[in-house]
Amino acid sequence: MRSTVAGLAGIFVLLAAAGASTQSGAADTPAPAATAPAATASIPAASPKASVEATTIGDLVTNDKTKAVLQQDMPALLTYDGLDQIKGMTLRDISKYPQADLDQTKLAKIQKDFDAIPTP
């Protein structure tokens, strides 16, 4: 559990360094859930496609097509040193932290790009 929390803190520091805007002093502290009600709105995925809601980051980075979407839409995630520590989380999970710079609009864009991937 501690390594997951440490991993989350690390990814947010990396994302902040990669150009994400953060509030002073907020890099180590997750925002309370009440401050981001829009982030809780569910974004439906066309089944069985990848989902920002349900597909783990680990599954997204092992699939070449979804990894390409992440490379395009969220490249800092793929270069994060602690990626192994957050592979069990979803993009929605990490969006709860302001340092991830992953708001509802960005999640919807990523989901739209996932949905555009042709099924075999």
Protein backbone atom coordinates (compact mmCIF):
# COMPACT_ATOMS: atom_id res chain seq x y z
CA MET A 1 0.00 0.00 0.00
CA ARG A 2 2.79 2.42 0.91
CA SER A 3 4.60 1.72 -2.36
CA THR A 4 1.41 2.50 -4.29
CA VAL A 5 1.00 5.79 -2.45
CA ALA A 6 4.68 6.58 -2.99
CA GLY A 7 4.31 5.67 -6.65
CA LEU A 8 1.33 7.99 -7.02
CA ALA A 9 3.24 10.83 -5.42
CA GLY A 10 6.11 10.18 -7.82
CA ILE A 11 3.96 10.21 -10.95
CA PHE A 12 2.43 13.48 -9.98
CA VAL A 13 5.79 15.07 -9.38
CA LEU A 14 6.91 13.83 -12.80
CA LEU A 15 3.77 15.10 -14.49
CA ALA A 16 4.18 18.46 -12.80
CA ALA A 17 7.76 18.66 -14.03
CA ALA A 18 6.60 17.76 -17.54
CA GLY A 19 4.52 20.90 -17.73
CA ALA A 20 1.39 20.12 -15.76
CA SER A 21 0.24 23.10 -13.80
CA THR A 22 0.01 22.52 -10.08
CA GLN A 23 -0.84 24.68 -7.16
CA SER A 24 2.00 25.59 -4.86
CA GLY A 25 2.38 22.93 -2.19
CA ALA A 26 -0.20 20.62 -3.76
CA ALA A 27 2.31 18.29 -5.44
CA ASP A 28 2.37 15.91 -2.48
CA THR A 29 -1.24 16.20 -1.37
CA PRO A 30 -4.18 14.77 -3.30
CA ALA A 31 -7.13 17.09 -3.70
CA PRO A 32 -10.22 16.16 -1.74
CA ALA A 33 -12.80 14.36 -3.84
CA ALA A 34 -15.31 17.13 -3.18
CA THR A 35 -13.24 19.64 -5.15
CA ALA A 36 -13.58 17.76 -8.45
CA PRO A 37 -17.18 16.58 -8.86
CA ALA A 38 -16.94 16.68 -12.67
CA ALA A 39 -14.16 14.09 -12.53
CA THR A 40 -16.60 11.51 -11.17
CA ALA A 41 -18.88 11.54 -14.20
CA SER A 42 -18.64 8.20 -15.95
CA ILE A 43 -17.38 8.07 -19.52
CA PRO A 44 -18.87 5.01 -21.22
CA ALA A 45 -16.66 2.92 -23.47
CA ALA A 46 -17.84 0.94 -26.41
CA SER A 47 -17.44 -2.63 -25.16
CA PRO A 48 -15.05 -4.53 -25.38
CA LYS A 49 -12.77 -1.59 -26.11
CA ALA A 50 -10.36 -0.06 -23.64
CA SER A 51 -11.87 2.19 -21.01
CA VAL A 52 -10.53 5.06 -18.91
CA GLU A 53 -12.96 3.81 -16.26
CA ALA A 54 -12.21 0.10 -16.06
CA THR A 55 -9.05 -0.84 -17.98
CA THR A 56 -5.93 -0.80 -15.84
CA ILE A 57 -2.92 1.24 -16.83
CA GLY A 58 -0.99 -2.04 -16.95
CA ASP A 59 -3.35 -3.42 -19.58
CA LEU A 60 -3.28 -0.16 -21.54
CA VAL A 61 0.52 -0.06 -21.79
CA THR A 62 0.85 -3.72 -22.80
CA ASN A 63 -1.50 -3.27 -25.76
CA ASP A 64 0.29 -1.60 -28.69
CA LYS A 65 -2.81 0.26 -29.89
CA THR A 66 -3.84 1.68 -26.52
CA LYS A 67 -0.22 2.45 -25.71
CA ALA A 68 -0.06 4.53 -28.91
CA VAL A 69 -3.09 6.52 -27.69
CA LEU A 70 -1.37 7.15 -24.36
CA GLN A 71 1.82 8.17 -26.17
CA GLN A 72 -0.21 10.73 -28.09
CA ASP A 73 -2.48 11.98 -25.30
CA MET A 74 -0.44 11.47 -22.13
CA PRO A 75 3.25 10.81 -22.93
CA ALA A 76 4.55 11.65 -19.45
CA LEU A 77 2.74 8.59 -18.09
CA LEU A 78 4.76 6.22 -20.28
CA THR A 79 8.11 7.64 -19.18
CA TYR A 80 7.31 7.69 -15.48
CA ASP A 81 9.89 5.70 -13.47
CA GLY A 82 7.24 4.37 -11.07
CA LEU A 83 4.87 3.14 -13.78
CA ASP A 84 5.03 -0.42 -12.41
CA GLN A 85 3.62 0.82 -9.10
CA ILE A 86 0.43 2.23 -10.67
CA LYS A 87 -0.29 -0.46 -13.27
CA GLY A 88 -3.20 -1.75 -11.20
CA MET A 89 -4.97 1.62 -11.31
CA THR A 90 -7.15 3.10 -14.05
CA LEU A 91 -6.80 6.50 -15.66
CA ARG A 92 -9.93 7.54 -13.74
CA ASP A 93 -8.18 6.51 -10.51
CA ILE A 94 -5.17 8.74 -11.11
CA SER A 95 -7.35 11.61 -12.39
CA LYS A 96 -8.40 12.26 -8.80
CA TYR A 97 -4.99 13.79 -8.18
CA PRO A 98 -4.45 17.30 -9.56
CA GLN A 99 -0.82 16.56 -10.34
CA ALA A 100 -1.92 14.06 -12.99
CA ASP A 101 -3.31 16.96 -15.07
CA LEU A 102 -6.05 14.61 -16.20
CA ASP A 103 -9.44 16.31 -16.13
CA GLN A 104 -12.82 15.22 -17.49
CA THR A 105 -12.10 16.76 -20.90
CA LYS A 106 -8.79 14.94 -21.27
CA LEU A 107 -10.32 11.65 -20.09
CA ALA A 108 -13.10 12.05 -22.66
CA LYS A 109 -10.50 12.70 -25.41
CA ILE A 110 -8.54 9.60 -24.43
CA GLN A 111 -11.75 7.53 -24.34
CA LYS A 112 -12.73 8.84 -27.79
CA ASP A 113 -9.31 7.81 -29.09
CA PHE A 114 -9.67 4.36 -27.51
CA ASP A 115 -13.10 3.99 -29.10
CA ALA A 116 -11.61 4.88 -32.51
CA ILE A 117 -9.29 1.87 -32.39
CA PRO A 118 -10.65 -0.70 -34.84
CA THR A 119 -11.56 -4.08 -33.41
CA PRO A 120 -9.97 -7.10 -35.11
